[in-house]
C-alpha atoms as a PDB file:
ATOM      1  CA  UNK A   1     120.547 123.187 110.191  1.00  0.00           C
ATOM      2  CA  UNK A   2     122.007 121.560 113.638  1.00  0.00           C
ATOM      3  CA  UNK A   3     121.283 118.176 114.678  1.00  0.00           C
ATOM      4  CA  UNK A   4     119.206 119.475 117.645  1.00  0.00           C
ATOM      5  CA  UNK A   5     116.978 121.438 115.482  1.00  0.00           C
ATOM      6  CA  UNK A   6     115.352 118.125 114.152  1.00  0.00           C
ATOM      7  CA  UNK A   7     112.736 116.517 116.390  1.00  0.00           C
ATOM      8  CA  UNK A   8     112.506 112.876 114.872  1.00  0.00           C
ATOM      9  CA  UNK A   9     108.833 112.355 116.344  1.00  0.00           C
ATOM     10  CA  UNK A  10     107.559 115.312 113.897  1.00  0.00           C
ATOM     11  CA  UNK A  11     108.118 112.470 111.102  1.00  0.00           C
ATOM     12  CA  UNK A  12     105.253 110.653 112.590  1.00  0.00           C
ATOM     13  CA  UNK A  13     103.129 114.029 111.818  1.00  0.00           C
ATOM     14  CA  UNK A  14     104.657 114.132 108.373  1.00  0.00           C
ATOM     15  CA  UNK A  15     103.677 110.540 107.580  1.00  0.00           C
ATOM     16  CA  UNK A  16     100.149 110.802 108.751  1.00  0.00           C
ATOM     17  CA  UNK A  17      99.189 113.988 106.729  1.00  0.00           C
ATOM     18  CA  UNK A  18     101.098 112.630 103.698  1.00  0.00           C
ATOM     19  CA  UNK A  19      98.764 109.222 103.725  1.00  0.00           C
ATOM     20  CA  UNK A  20      95.541 111.098 104.923  1.00  0.00           C
ATOM     21  CA  UNK A  21      96.032 114.157 102.523  1.00  0.00           C
ATOM     22  CA  UNK A  22      94.072 116.382 105.500  1.00  0.00           C
ATOM     23  CA  UNK A  23      95.256 117.788 108.741  1.00  0.00           C
ATOM     24  CA  UNK A  24      91.825 116.604 110.157  1.00  0.00           C
ATOM     25  CA  UNK A  25      92.254 112.914 109.261  1.00  0.00           C
ATOM     26  CA  UNK A  26      95.814 112.763 110.443  1.00  0.00           C
ATOM     27  CA  UNK A  27      94.837 114.291 113.758  1.00  0.00           C
ATOM     28  CA  UNK A  28      92.208 111.699 114.029  1.00  0.00           C
ATOM     29  CA  UNK A  29      94.465 108.769 113.172  1.00  0.00           C
ATOM     30  CA  UNK A  30      96.938 110.145 115.874  1.00  0.00           C
ATOM     31  CA  UNK A  31      94.362 111.124 118.332  1.00  0.00           C
ATOM     32  CA  UNK A  32      95.531 114.837 118.774  1.00  0.00           C
ATOM     33  CA  UNK A  33      94.027 118.103 117.931  1.00  0.00           C
ATOM     34  CA  UNK A  34      94.393 119.351 114.373  1.00  0.00           C
ATOM     35  CA  UNK A  35      96.292 122.541 115.623  1.00  0.00           C
ATOM     36  CA  UNK A  36      98.863 120.166 117.015  1.00  0.00           C
ATOM     37  CA  UNK A  37      99.397 118.453 113.554  1.00  0.00           C
ATOM     38  CA  UNK A  38      99.755 121.863 111.900  1.00  0.00           C
ATOM     39  CA  UNK A  39     102.015 123.120 114.542  1.00  0.00           C
ATOM     40  CA  UNK A  40     104.528 120.118 114.146  1.00  0.00           C
ATOM     41  CA  UNK A  41     104.313 119.999 110.585  1.00  0.00           C
ATOM     42  CA  UNK A  42     105.458 123.820 110.731  1.00  0.00           C
ATOM     43  CA  UNK A  43     108.466 123.036 113.057  1.00  0.00           C
ATOM     44  CA  UNK A  44     109.557 120.196 110.739  1.00  0.00           C
ATOM     45  CA  UNK A  45     109.592 122.414 107.790  1.00  0.00           C
ATOM     46  CA  UNK A  46     111.438 125.251 109.769  1.00  0.00           C
ATOM     47  CA  UNK A  47     113.789 122.601 110.985  1.00  0.00           C
ATOM     48  CA  UNK A  48     114.501 121.160 107.417  1.00  0.00           C
ATOM     49  CA  UNK A  49     114.489 124.517 105.807  1.00  0.00           C
ATOM     50  CA  UNK A  50     111.989 123.374 103.056  1.00  0.00           C
ATOM     51  CA  UNK A  51     108.208 123.252 102.128  1.00  0.00           C
ATOM     52  CA  UNK A  52     107.094 119.775 102.450  1.00  0.00           C
ATOM     53  CA  UNK A  53     103.295 120.289 101.421  1.00  0.00           C
ATOM     54  CA  UNK A  54     101.359 122.360  99.012  1.00  0.00           C
ATOM     55  CA  UNK A  55      98.070 123.624 101.008  1.00  0.00           C
ATOM     56  CA  UNK A  56      95.344 123.045  98.518  1.00  0.00           C
ATOM     57  CA  UNK A  57      91.434 123.730  98.994  1.00  0.00           C
ATOM     58  CA  UNK A  58      90.900 119.983  99.039  1.00  0.00           C
ATOM     59  CA  UNK A  59      93.685 118.740 101.058  1.00  0.00           C
ATOM     60  CA  UNK A  60      97.716 118.677 101.511  1.00  0.00           C
ATOM     61  CA  UNK A  61      99.856 117.175  98.616  1.00  0.00           C
ATOM     62  CA  UNK A  62     103.681 116.813  98.628  1.00  0.00           C
ATOM     63  CA  UNK A  63     106.128 119.171  97.264  1.00  0.00           C
ATOM     64  CA  UNK A  64     109.054 117.747  95.653  1.00  0.00           C
ATOM     65  CA  UNK A  65     111.047 117.913  98.782  1.00  0.00           C
ATOM     66  CA  UNK A  66     108.125 116.422 100.590  1.00  0.00           C
ATOM     67  CA  UNK A  67     108.373 113.410  98.306  1.00  0.00           C
ATOM     68  CA  UNK A  68     112.124 113.071  98.857  1.00  0.00           C
ATOM     69  CA  UNK A  69     111.419 113.128 102.846  1.00  0.00           C
ATOM     70  CA  UNK A  70     108.272 110.564 102.455  1.00  0.00           C
ATOM     71  CA  UNK A  71     110.771 107.872 101.170  1.00  0.00           C
ATOM     72  CA  UNK A  72     113.473 108.375 104.062  1.00  0.00           C
ATOM     73  CA  UNK A  73     110.641 108.529 106.473  1.00  0.00           C
ATOM     74  CA  UNK A  74     108.950 105.625 105.473  1.00  0.00           C
ATOM     75  CA  UNK A  75     112.555 103.797 105.666  1.00  0.00           C
ATOM     76  CA  UNK A  76     112.767 104.975 109.300  1.00  0.00           C
ATOM     77  CA  UNK A  77     109.373 103.849 110.183  1.00  0.00           C
ATOM     78  CA  UNK A  78     110.216 100.386 108.632  1.00  0.00           C
ATOM     79  CA  UNK A  79     113.270 100.027 110.957  1.00  0.00           C
ATOM     80  CA  UNK A  80     111.443 101.386 113.909  1.00  0.00           C
ATOM     81  CA  UNK A  81     108.492  98.943 113.494  1.00  0.00           C
ATOM     82  CA  UNK A  82     111.141  96.047 112.857  1.00  0.00           C
ATOM     83  CA  UNK A  83     112.570  96.925 116.006  1.00  0.00           C
ATOM     84  CA  UNK A  84     109.322  97.132 117.897  1.00  0.00           C
ATOM     85  CA  UNK A  85     108.509  93.490 116.601  1.00  0.00           C
ATOM     86  CA  UNK A  86     111.979  91.846 117.563  1.00  0.00           C
ATOM     87  CA  UNK A  87     112.580  93.543 120.933  1.00  0.00           C
ATOM     88  CA  UNK A  88     109.229  95.193 122.224  1.00  0.00           C
ATOM     89  CA  UNK A  89     107.491  91.752 121.478  1.00  0.00           C
ATOM     90  CA  UNK A  90     109.818  89.761 123.568  1.00  0.00           C
ATOM     91  CA  UNK A  91     108.878  90.885 127.002  1.00  0.00           C
ATOM     92  CA  UNK A  92     105.548  92.561 126.689  1.00  0.00           C
ATOM     93  CA  UNK A  93     101.843  91.011 126.093  1.00  0.00           C
ATOM     94  CA  UNK A  94      99.735  91.797 123.062  1.00  0.00           C
ATOM     95  CA  UNK A  95      99.043  95.513 123.600  1.00  0.00           C
ATOM     96  CA  UNK A  96      98.021  98.594 121.593  1.00  0.00           C
ATOM     97  CA  UNK A  97      95.643  99.168 118.708  1.00  0.00           C
ATOM     98  CA  UNK A  98      94.956  96.861 115.585  1.00  0.00           C
ATOM     99  CA  UNK A  99      92.543  98.487 113.145  1.00  0.00           C
ATOM    100  CA  UNK A 100      90.902  95.680 110.600  1.00  0.00           C
ATOM    101  CA  UNK A 101      89.310  96.912 107.632  1.00  0.00           C
ATOM    102  CA  UNK A 102      86.617  94.487 105.653  1.00  0.00           C
ATOM    103  CA  UNK A 103      83.711  94.310 103.344  1.00  0.00           C
ATOM    104  CA  UNK A 104      80.498  95.422 105.051  1.00  0.00           C
ATOM    105  CA  UNK A 105      78.886  92.307 104.713  1.00  0.00           C
ATOM    106  CA  UNK A 106      81.533  89.982 105.982  1.00  0.00           C
ATOM    107  CA  UNK A 107      82.812  92.625 108.673  1.00  0.00           C
ATOM    108  CA  UNK A 108      78.977  93.053 110.107  1.00  0.00           C
ATOM    109  CA  UNK A 109      77.626  89.545 109.794  1.00  0.00           C
ATOM    110  CA  UNK A 110      80.723  87.333 110.217  1.00  0.00           C
ATOM    111  CA  UNK A 111      83.528  88.916 111.849  1.00  0.00           C
ATOM    112  CA  UNK A 112      81.809  91.256 114.302  1.00  0.00           C
ATOM    113  CA  UNK A 113      79.706  88.640 116.309  1.00  0.00           C
ATOM    114  CA  UNK A 114      83.025  86.742 116.816  1.00  0.00           C
ATOM    115  CA  UNK A 115      85.617  89.291 117.307  1.00  0.00           C
ATOM    116  CA  UNK A 116      84.891  89.730 121.147  1.00  0.00           C
ATOM    117  CA  UNK A 117      86.594  86.625 121.629  1.00  0.00           C
ATOM    118  CA  UNK A 118      90.013  88.237 120.470  1.00  0.00           C
ATOM    119  CA  UNK A 119      89.368  91.178 122.959  1.00  0.00           C
ATOM    120  CA  UNK A 120      88.791  88.614 125.609  1.00  0.00           C
ATOM    121  CA  UNK A 121      92.031  86.763 124.905  1.00  0.00           C
ATOM    122  CA  UNK A 122      94.146  90.004 124.710  1.00  0.00           C
ATOM    123  CA  UNK A 123      92.629  92.516 127.187  1.00  0.00           C
ATOM    124  CA  UNK A 124      95.450  95.206 126.500  1.00  0.00           C
ATOM    125  CA  UNK A 125      94.448  94.935 122.788  1.00  0.00           C
ATOM    126  CA  UNK A 126      92.095  97.720 121.458  1.00  0.00           C
ATOM    127  CA  UNK A 127      90.399  96.659 118.298  1.00  0.00           C
ATOM    128  CA  UNK A 128      88.851  98.766 115.646  1.00  0.00           C
ATOM    129  CA  UNK A 129      86.620  97.163 113.067  1.00  0.00           C
ATOM    130  CA  UNK A 130      85.964  99.043 109.775  1.00  0.00           C
ATOM    131  CA  UNK A 131      83.138  97.412 108.141  1.00  0.00           C
ATOM    132  CA  UNK A 132      82.853  99.429 105.125  1.00  0.00           C
ATOM    133  CA  UNK A 133      82.124  98.901 101.172  1.00  0.00           C
ATOM    134  CA  UNK A 134      85.497 100.157  99.959  1.00  0.00           C
ATOM    135  CA  UNK A 135      89.521  99.145  99.647  1.00  0.00           C
ATOM    136  CA  UNK A 136      91.704  99.983 102.481  1.00  0.00           C
ATOM    137  CA  UNK A 137      95.475 101.129 101.661  1.00  0.00           C
ATOM    138  CA  UNK A 138      97.814  99.445 103.981  1.00  0.00           C
ATOM    139  CA  UNK A 139     100.650 101.358 102.612  1.00  0.00           C
ATOM    140  CA  UNK A 140      98.678 104.482 103.798  1.00  0.00           C
ATOM    141  CA  UNK A 141      98.205 102.884 106.979  1.00  0.00           C
ATOM    142  CA  UNK A 142      94.360 103.062 106.623  1.00  0.00           C
ATOM    143  CA  UNK A 143      94.218  99.618 108.377  1.00  0.00           C
ATOM    144  CA  UNK A 144      96.637  97.317 109.770  1.00  0.00           C
ATOM    145  CA  UNK A 145      94.729  94.255 108.230  1.00  0.00           C
ATOM    146  CA  UNK A 146      92.462  94.133 105.310  1.00  0.00           C
ATOM    147  CA  UNK A 147      90.084  91.553 103.873  1.00  0.00           C
ATOM    148  CA  UNK A 148      89.927  91.673 100.221  1.00  0.00           C
ATOM    149  CA  UNK A 149      88.199  89.778  97.347  1.00  0.00           C
ATOM    150  CA  UNK A 150      91.421  89.609  95.235  1.00  0.00           C
ATOM    151  CA  UNK A 151      94.983  88.894  95.838  1.00  0.00           C
ATOM    152  CA  UNK A 152      97.178  92.151  95.298  1.00  0.00           C
ATOM    153  CA  UNK A 153      99.328  91.922  92.176  1.00  0.00           C
ATOM    154  CA  UNK A 154     101.824  94.400  93.475  1.00  0.00           C
ATOM    155  CA  UNK A 155     102.971  96.520  96.521  1.00  0.00           C
ATOM    156  CA  UNK A 156     104.744  95.356  99.717  1.00  0.00           C
ATOM    157  CA  UNK A 157     101.917  93.217 100.901  1.00  0.00           C
ATOM    158  CA  UNK A 158     101.754  89.927 102.128  1.00  0.00           C
ATOM    159  CA  UNK A 159      98.160  87.838 101.299  1.00  0.00           C
ATOM    160  CA  UNK A 160      96.770  84.867 102.858  1.00  0.00           C
ATOM    161  CA  UNK A 161      94.090  83.286 101.372  1.00  0.00           C
ATOM    162  CA  UNK A 162      91.093  82.855 104.204  1.00  0.00           C
ATOM    163  CA  UNK A 163      88.494  80.991 102.162  1.00  0.00           C
ATOM    164  CA  UNK A 164      86.071  80.658  99.162  1.00  0.00           C
ATOM    165  CA  UNK A 165      82.490  81.647  99.909  1.00  0.00           C
ATOM    166  CA  UNK A 166      79.186  81.166  98.190  1.00  0.00           C
ATOM    167  CA  UNK A 167      76.673  83.649  97.088  1.00  0.00           C
ATOM    168  CA  UNK A 168      73.189  82.818  95.617  1.00  0.00           C
ATOM    169  CA  UNK A 169      69.876  84.442  94.763  1.00  0.00           C
ATOM    170  CA  UNK A 170      67.414  85.471  97.245  1.00  0.00           C
ATOM    171  CA  UNK A 171      63.887  87.089  97.603  1.00  0.00           C
ATOM    172  CA  UNK A 172      61.732  87.532 100.807  1.00  0.00           C
ATOM    173  CA  UNK A 173      58.770  84.985 101.412  1.00  0.00           C
ATOM    174  CA  UNK A 174      56.238  87.809 101.178  1.00  0.00           C
ATOM    175  CA  UNK A 175      57.822  88.975  97.859  1.00  0.00           C
ATOM    176  CA  UNK A 176      57.529  85.470  96.373  1.00  0.00           C
ATOM    177  CA  UNK A 177      53.716  85.281  97.676  1.00  0.00           C
ATOM    178  CA  UNK A 178      52.911  88.193  95.950  1.00  0.00           C
ATOM    179  CA  UNK A 179      54.838  87.681  92.569  1.00  0.00           C
ATOM    180  CA  UNK A 180      54.731  83.836  92.667  1.00  0.00           C
ATOM    181  CA  UNK A 181      57.603  81.450  92.796  1.00  0.00           C
ATOM    182  CA  UNK A 182      60.713  81.657  90.116  1.00  0.00           C
ATOM    183  CA  UNK A 183      61.312  78.497  88.433  1.00  0.00           C
ATOM    184  CA  UNK A 184      63.618  79.157  85.718  1.00  0.00           C
ATOM    185  CA  UNK A 185      66.773  81.585  84.868  1.00  0.00           C
ATOM    186  CA  UNK A 186      64.812  82.839  81.990  1.00  0.00           C
ATOM    187  CA  UNK A 187      61.883  83.992  84.286  1.00  0.00           C
ATOM    188  CA  UNK A 188      64.456  86.321  86.067  1.00  0.00           C
ATOM    189  CA  UNK A 189      64.224  89.065  83.630  1.00  0.00           C
ATOM    190  CA  UNK A 190      60.709  89.801  84.794  1.00  0.00           C
ATOM    191  CA  UNK A 191      61.768  90.536  88.379  1.00  0.00           C
ATOM    192  CA  UNK A 192      63.245  93.782  89.757  1.00  0.00           C
ATOM    193  CA  UNK A 193      66.840  93.180  91.025  1.00  0.00           C
ATOM    194  CA  UNK A 194      68.725  94.907  94.024  1.00  0.00           C
ATOM    195  CA  UNK A 195      72.436  95.438  93.248  1.00  0.00           C
ATOM    196  CA  UNK A 196      75.357  97.791  93.591  1.00  0.00           C
ATOM    197  CA  UNK A 197      75.748 101.269  91.912  1.00  0.00           C
ATOM    198  CA  UNK A 198      77.623 100.590  89.101  1.00  0.00           C
ATOM    199  CA  UNK A 199      80.230 103.502  89.080  1.00  0.00           C
ATOM    200  CA  UNK A 200      80.753 102.665  93.009  1.00  0.00           C
ATOM    201  CA  UNK A 201      81.940  98.991  92.657  1.00  0.00           C
ATOM    202  CA  UNK A 202      85.008  98.855  94.615  1.00  0.00           C
ATOM    203  CA  UNK A 203      86.010  95.534  93.202  1.00  0.00           C
ATOM    204  CA  UNK A 204      85.178  93.657  89.852  1.00  0.00           C
ATOM    205  CA  UNK A 205      84.393  90.469  91.710  1.00  0.00           C
ATOM    206  CA  UNK A 206      81.119  92.272  92.985  1.00  0.00           C
ATOM    207  CA  UNK A 207      79.907  92.663  89.619  1.00  0.00           C
ATOM    208  CA  UNK A 208      78.081  89.672  89.350  1.00  0.00           C
ATOM    209  CA  UNK A 209      74.511  90.519  88.200  1.00  0.00           C
ATOM    210  CA  UNK A 210      75.591  90.124  84.398  1.00  0.00           C
ATOM    211  CA  UNK A 211      76.476  86.607  85.263  1.00  0.00           C
ATOM    212  CA  UNK A 212      73.225  85.701  86.709  1.00  0.00           C
ATOM    213  CA  UNK A 213      71.075  85.873  83.509  1.00  0.00           C
ATOM    214  CA  UNK A 214      70.948  88.412  80.443  1.00  0.00           C
ATOM    215  CA  UNK A 215      68.405  91.363  80.471  1.00  0.00           C
ATOM    216  CA  UNK A 216      68.410  91.679  84.254  1.00  0.00           C
ATOM    217  CA  UNK A 217      67.088  95.363  85.290  1.00  0.00           C
ATOM    218  CA  UNK A 218      68.686  96.317  88.519  1.00  0.00           C
ATOM    219  CA  UNK A 219      65.891  98.955  89.756  1.00  0.00           C
ATOM    220  CA  UNK A 220      67.268  99.587  93.187  1.00  0.00           C
ATOM    221  CA  UNK A 221      70.984 100.199  93.817  1.00  0.00           C
ATOM    222  CA  UNK A 222      72.909 100.722  96.818  1.00  0.00           C
ATOM    223  CA  UNK A 223      76.941 100.738  97.408  1.00  0.00           C
ATOM    224  CA  UNK A 224      76.202  99.088 100.645  1.00  0.00           C
ATOM    225  CA  UNK A 225      75.418  95.098 100.794  1.00  0.00           C
ATOM    226  CA  UNK A 226      73.864  95.653 104.181  1.00  0.00           C
ATOM    227  CA  UNK A 227      71.448  97.798 102.526  1.00  0.00           C
ATOM    228  CA  UNK A 228      70.849  95.534  99.770  1.00  0.00           C
ATOM    229  CA  UNK A 229      70.149  92.805 102.342  1.00  0.00           C
ATOM    230  CA  UNK A 230      67.601  94.997 104.179  1.00  0.00           C
ATOM    231  CA  UNK A 231      65.825  95.947 101.068  1.00  0.00           C
ATOM    232  CA  UNK A 232      65.504  92.473  99.865  1.00  0.00           C
ATOM    233  CA  UNK A 233      64.053  91.594 103.296  1.00  0.00           C
ATOM    234  CA  UNK A 234      61.605  94.323 102.814  1.00  0.00           C
ATOM    235  CA  UNK A 235      60.311  92.804  99.485  1.00  0.00           C
ATOM    236  CA  UNK A 236      61.966  95.326  97.030  1.00  0.00           C
ATOM    237  CA  UNK A 237      62.995  92.365  94.754  1.00  0.00           C
ATOM    238  CA  UNK A 238      65.694  89.830  93.883  1.00  0.00           C
ATOM    239  CA  UNK A 239      69.295  90.075  95.186  1.00  0.00           C
ATOM    240  CA  UNK A 240      72.381  88.331  94.808  1.00  0.00           C
ATOM    241  CA  UNK A 241      73.662  87.777  98.506  1.00  0.00           C
ATOM    242  CA  UNK A 242      76.302  85.936 100.298  1.00  0.00           C
ATOM    243  CA  UNK A 243      74.763  82.604 101.901  1.00  0.00           C
ATOM    244  CA  UNK A 244      76.500  83.442 104.948  1.00  0.00           C
ATOM    245  CA  UNK A 245      74.563  86.597 105.561  1.00  0.00           C
ATOM    246  CA  UNK A 246      71.130  85.282 103.723  1.00  0.00           C
ATOM    247  CA  UNK A 247      71.030  82.157 105.719  1.00  0.00           C
ATOM    248  CA  UNK A 248      70.804  84.245 109.024  1.00  0.00           C
ATOM    249  CA  UNK A 249      67.481  85.428 108.049  1.00  0.00           C
ATOM    250  CA  UNK A 250      65.889  82.145 106.724  1.00  0.00           C
ATOM    251  CA  UNK A 251      62.357  81.094 108.438  1.00  0.00           C
ATOM    252  CA  UNK A 252      58.619  81.480 108.076  1.00  0.00           C
ATOM    253  CA  UNK A 253      58.306  85.043 108.541  1.00  0.00           C
ATOM    254  CA  UNK A 254      57.269  87.487 105.706  1.00  0.00           C
ATOM    255  CA  UNK A 255      60.919  89.184 105.609  1.00  0.00           C
ATOM    256  CA  UNK A 256      62.593  85.753 105.815  1.00  0.00           C
ATOM    257  CA  UNK A 257      65.068  85.045 102.804  1.00  0.00           C
ATOM    258  CA  UNK A 258      64.274  82.345 100.490  1.00  0.00           C
ATOM    259  CA  UNK A 259      66.910  80.760  98.242  1.00  0.00           C
ATOM    260  CA  UNK A 260      66.207  80.951  94.404  1.00  0.00           C
ATOM    261  CA  UNK A 261      67.034  78.590  91.935  1.00  0.00           C
ATOM    262  CA  UNK A 262      69.779  77.174  94.281  1.00  0.00           C
ATOM    263  CA  UNK A 263      70.773  74.337  92.080  1.00  0.00           C
ATOM    264  CA  UNK A 264      71.085  76.261  88.852  1.00  0.00           C
ATOM    265  CA  UNK A 265      72.314  79.741  89.925  1.00  0.00           C
ATOM    266  CA  UNK A 266      75.196  80.315  92.360  1.00  0.00           C
ATOM    267  CA  UNK A 267      78.541  81.884  92.370  1.00  0.00           C
ATOM    268  CA  UNK A 268      81.938  81.438  94.511  1.00  0.00           C
ATOM    269  CA  UNK A 269      84.222  84.267  95.502  1.00  0.00           C
ATOM    270  CA  UNK A 270      87.210  84.386  97.681  1.00  0.00           C
ATOM    271  CA  UNK A 271      88.310  86.474 100.965  1.00  0.00           C
ATOM    272  CA  UNK A 272      91.956  87.409 101.188  1.00  0.00           C
ATOM    273  CA  UNK A 273      93.429  88.663 104.347  1.00  0.00           C
ATOM    274  CA  UNK A 274      96.332  91.289 103.715  1.00  0.00           C
ATOM    275  CA  UNK A 275      99.016  92.657 105.958  1.00  0.00           C
ATOM    276  CA  UNK A 276     101.930  94.920 105.033  1.00  0.00           C
ATOM    277  CA  UNK A 277     105.184  93.718 104.897  1.00  0.00           C
ATOM    278  CA  UNK A 278     106.650  96.217 107.301  1.00  0.00           C
ATOM    279  CA  UNK A 279     104.316  95.608 110.106  1.00  0.00           C
ATOM    280  CA  UNK A 280     102.844  92.056 109.870  1.00  0.00           C
ATOM    281  CA  UNK A 281     105.191  90.503 112.279  1.00  0.00           C
ATOM    282  CA  UNK A 282     104.262  92.906 114.990  1.00  0.00           C
ATOM    283  CA  UNK A 283     102.727  91.061 117.772  1.00  0.00           C
ATOM    284  CA  UNK A 284      99.176  92.846 117.786  1.00  0.00           C
ATOM    285  CA  UNK A 285      99.024  92.514 113.840  1.00  0.00           C
ATOM    286  CA  UNK A 286     100.163  88.883 114.001  1.00  0.00           C
ATOM    287  CA  UNK A 287      97.844  87.642 116.668  1.00  0.00           C
ATOM    288  CA  UNK A 288      94.855  89.537 115.093  1.00  0.00           C
ATOM    289  CA  UNK A 289      95.659  87.916 111.661  1.00  0.00           C
ATOM    290  CA  UNK A 290      95.863  84.387 113.161  1.00  0.00           C
ATOM    291  CA  UNK A 291      92.543  84.879 115.090  1.00  0.00           C
ATOM    292  CA  UNK A 292      90.706  85.920 111.991  1.00  0.00           C
ATOM    293  CA  UNK A 293      92.062  83.058 109.902  1.00  0.00           C
ATOM    294  CA  UNK A 294      91.201  80.618 112.966  1.00  0.00           C
ATOM    295  CA  UNK A 295      87.602  81.966 113.112  1.00  0.00           C
ATOM    296  CA  UNK A 296      87.130  81.548 109.184  1.00  0.00           C
ATOM    297  CA  UNK A 297      88.486  77.866 109.529  1.00  0.00           C
ATOM    298  CA  UNK A 298      86.041  77.282 112.181  1.00  0.00           C
ATOM    299  CA  UNK A 299      83.033  78.823 110.246  1.00  0.00           C
ATOM    300  CA  UNK A 300      83.858  77.358 106.946  1.00  0.00           C
ATOM    301  CA  UNK A 301      80.760  75.433 106.702  1.00  0.00           C
ATOM    302  CA  UNK A 302      78.848  78.681 106.991  1.00  0.00           C
ATOM    303  CA  UNK A 303      80.936  80.565 104.313  1.00  0.00           C
ATOM    304  CA  UNK A 304      80.812  77.789 102.019  1.00  0.00           C
ATOM    305  CA  UNK A 305      77.715  75.500 102.563  1.00  0.00           C
ATOM    306  CA  UNK A 306      76.876  72.504 101.069  1.00  0.00           C
END
């Protein structure tokens, strides 16, 4: 192989496919057609004289040669990102795209109403907010910043504690008018609960219904906390909800949410802000992370009332 045969930019396409496992997902991340990704991967394999991927019905898997190239390509990416952070940030303003992955409740009800201030401060910064009930892999570049419910125990990740937040039991005003007030923890077992689908709980910190009371029957389950909130408003039953979400819907209307046994039943969980060691010092990621930490600090009384 001659040095001129190797196009370094093909490694960007290689890394995208290796991390996404599918051409279409890699193409969407790179904002190109999937045929372009396929062509660049083919050119890289021809230049290297090696097959890098096994084409499978459900996606692309790395071959042994692909695994070896992955380690080298990620090392090159790390150097490139370091150079961008040290040199590019010296003369340029904050620009580019930052992708923030967050739990659906926090992302939708806390971060989304506040994120426009970040865009106002940095007009050249494009913000992608992924508010979804799932974990985000920073090593696969699924996000630049992730909000997690736990501190990672391994990986090249930097964790910053944002805040503790409080959860409580809630039901709609209309539900309590139909079924009467709930005055003891023992009486909870007579009421239908709303909660997560057991095998889709993506973090053990969310498996909190057993901590509330014994023999609780969860009759309505959803993987989405936003859907659980909406079902609770509709009078479907009792639900454990973050106070920063439920308190937005207090009031006298039938679908208003009312706290149940607030002095007796309550839980505390923690939000962590995660960034990858290789990218955390890039201006766009550093500025976005500091912004999130700042709005959380200002909103601490909302997240941790009382």
